[in-house]
Amino acid sequence: MINSLYQLTRKGWLQALSFILSIAMFAMILLYSNTFALYFGGKIPYLVAGVFYGMLILFVHGFGFEIKSTRWQVVFMPLLGYIIILPSLIALVVLH
């Protein structure tokens, strides 16, 4: 089941989307670091770790690394990265 979920996102356009989203999140963190620190690192600092984890997942997927082990496919599931990064990007755009 994990392999089939992971294979859903092995398409080229989704890898490009992952790379673009991870670069966009990186740019938003650099450009709006105060907003990011206040909103994500304020009361719940674990949100920052979650955002960096989602960004890492999308970087790995966007660069096209092929993960063979099912255990690592669970850790670097691109769908989880999308679930983390999309609301974070929207929140940063709306807040700033």
Protein backbone atom coordinates (compact mmCIF):
# COMPACT_ATOMS: atom_id res chain seq x y z
CA MET A 1 0.00 0.00 0.00
CA ILE A 2 2.84 2.40 0.84
CA ASN A 3 4.52 1.63 -2.48
CA SER A 4 1.34 2.38 -4.43
CA LEU A 5 0.85 5.68 -2.55
CA TYR A 6 4.45 6.62 -3.20
CA GLN A 7 4.18 5.69 -6.89
CA LEU A 8 1.22 8.06 -7.29
CA THR A 9 3.61 10.96 -6.82
CA ARG A 10 6.45 9.66 -9.03
CA LYS A 11 5.24 11.72 -11.98
CA GLY A 12 7.47 14.41 -13.44
CA TRP A 13 5.06 17.29 -13.02
CA LEU A 14 4.51 16.44 -9.34
CA GLN A 15 8.26 16.34 -8.81
CA ALA A 16 8.53 19.77 -10.42
CA LEU A 17 5.69 21.01 -8.20
CA SER A 18 7.49 19.65 -5.15
CA PHE A 19 10.67 21.44 -6.09
CA ILE A 20 8.84 24.72 -6.76
CA LEU A 21 6.91 24.54 -3.48
CA SER A 22 10.03 23.78 -1.46
CA ILE A 23 11.91 26.67 -3.08
CA ALA A 24 8.91 28.95 -2.53
CA MET A 25 8.73 28.01 1.15
CA PHE A 26 12.47 28.57 1.52
CA ALA A 27 12.14 32.01 -0.10
CA MET A 28 9.18 32.92 2.11
CA ILE A 29 11.14 31.94 5.22
CA LEU A 30 14.07 34.10 4.10
CA LEU A 31 12.02 37.09 3.00
CA TYR A 32 9.51 37.09 5.84
CA SER A 33 11.59 35.63 8.66
CA ASN A 34 9.98 37.78 11.36
CA THR A 35 6.47 36.73 10.35
CA PHE A 36 7.57 33.11 10.14
CA ALA A 37 9.22 33.26 13.57
CA LEU A 38 6.24 34.93 15.21
CA TYR A 39 3.55 32.78 13.64
CA PHE A 40 5.24 29.37 13.59
CA GLY A 41 7.77 29.65 16.39
CA GLY A 42 5.73 31.62 18.89
CA LYS A 43 3.71 29.42 21.22
CA ILE A 44 4.28 26.06 19.54
CA PRO A 45 7.90 25.78 18.36
CA TYR A 46 7.24 22.29 16.99
CA LEU A 47 5.50 23.91 14.04
CA VAL A 48 8.87 25.16 12.80
CA ALA A 49 10.26 21.62 12.88
CA GLY A 50 7.18 20.41 11.02
CA VAL A 51 7.55 23.03 8.32
CA PHE A 52 11.24 22.22 7.87
CA TYR A 53 10.36 18.51 7.72
CA GLY A 54 7.75 19.18 5.02
CA MET A 55 10.24 21.32 3.11
CA LEU A 56 12.83 18.53 3.35
CA ILE A 57 10.33 15.98 2.02
CA LEU A 58 9.55 18.16 -0.98
CA PHE A 59 13.24 18.88 -1.63
CA VAL A 60 14.00 15.15 -1.68
CA HIS A 61 11.03 14.45 -3.94
CA GLY A 62 11.71 17.45 -6.17
CA PHE A 63 15.33 16.49 -6.78
CA GLY A 64 14.14 13.08 -7.97
CA PHE A 65 15.80 10.80 -5.44
CA GLU A 66 14.43 7.31 -5.92
CA ILE A 67 13.72 5.69 -2.55
CA LYS A 68 13.59 1.90 -2.59
CA SER A 69 13.00 1.03 1.07
CA THR A 70 9.40 1.07 2.23
CA ARG A 71 10.46 2.44 5.60
CA TRP A 72 12.08 5.49 4.00
CA GLN A 73 9.14 5.91 1.63
CA VAL A 74 6.94 6.35 4.71
CA VAL A 75 9.34 8.91 6.18
CA PHE A 76 9.62 10.89 2.92
CA MET A 77 6.03 10.54 1.64
CA PRO A 78 5.44 13.50 -0.71
CA LEU A 79 1.73 13.66 0.12
CA LEU A 80 2.66 14.44 3.72
CA GLY A 81 4.98 17.19 2.49
CA TYR A 82 2.14 18.74 0.48
CA ILE A 83 -0.17 18.57 3.51
CA ILE A 84 2.41 20.42 5.61
CA ILE A 85 3.73 22.99 3.12
CA LEU A 86 0.59 24.18 1.33
CA PRO A 87 -1.18 25.51 4.46
CA SER A 88 2.10 26.97 5.70
CA LEU A 89 2.65 28.88 2.46
CA ILE A 90 -0.94 30.10 2.45
CA ALA A 91 -0.63 31.24 6.07
CA LEU A 92 2.58 33.16 5.36
CA VAL A 93 1.09 34.85 2.31
CA VAL A 94 -2.10 35.81 4.17
CA LEU A 95 -0.27 37.01 7.28
CA HIS A 96 2.13 39.20 5.41
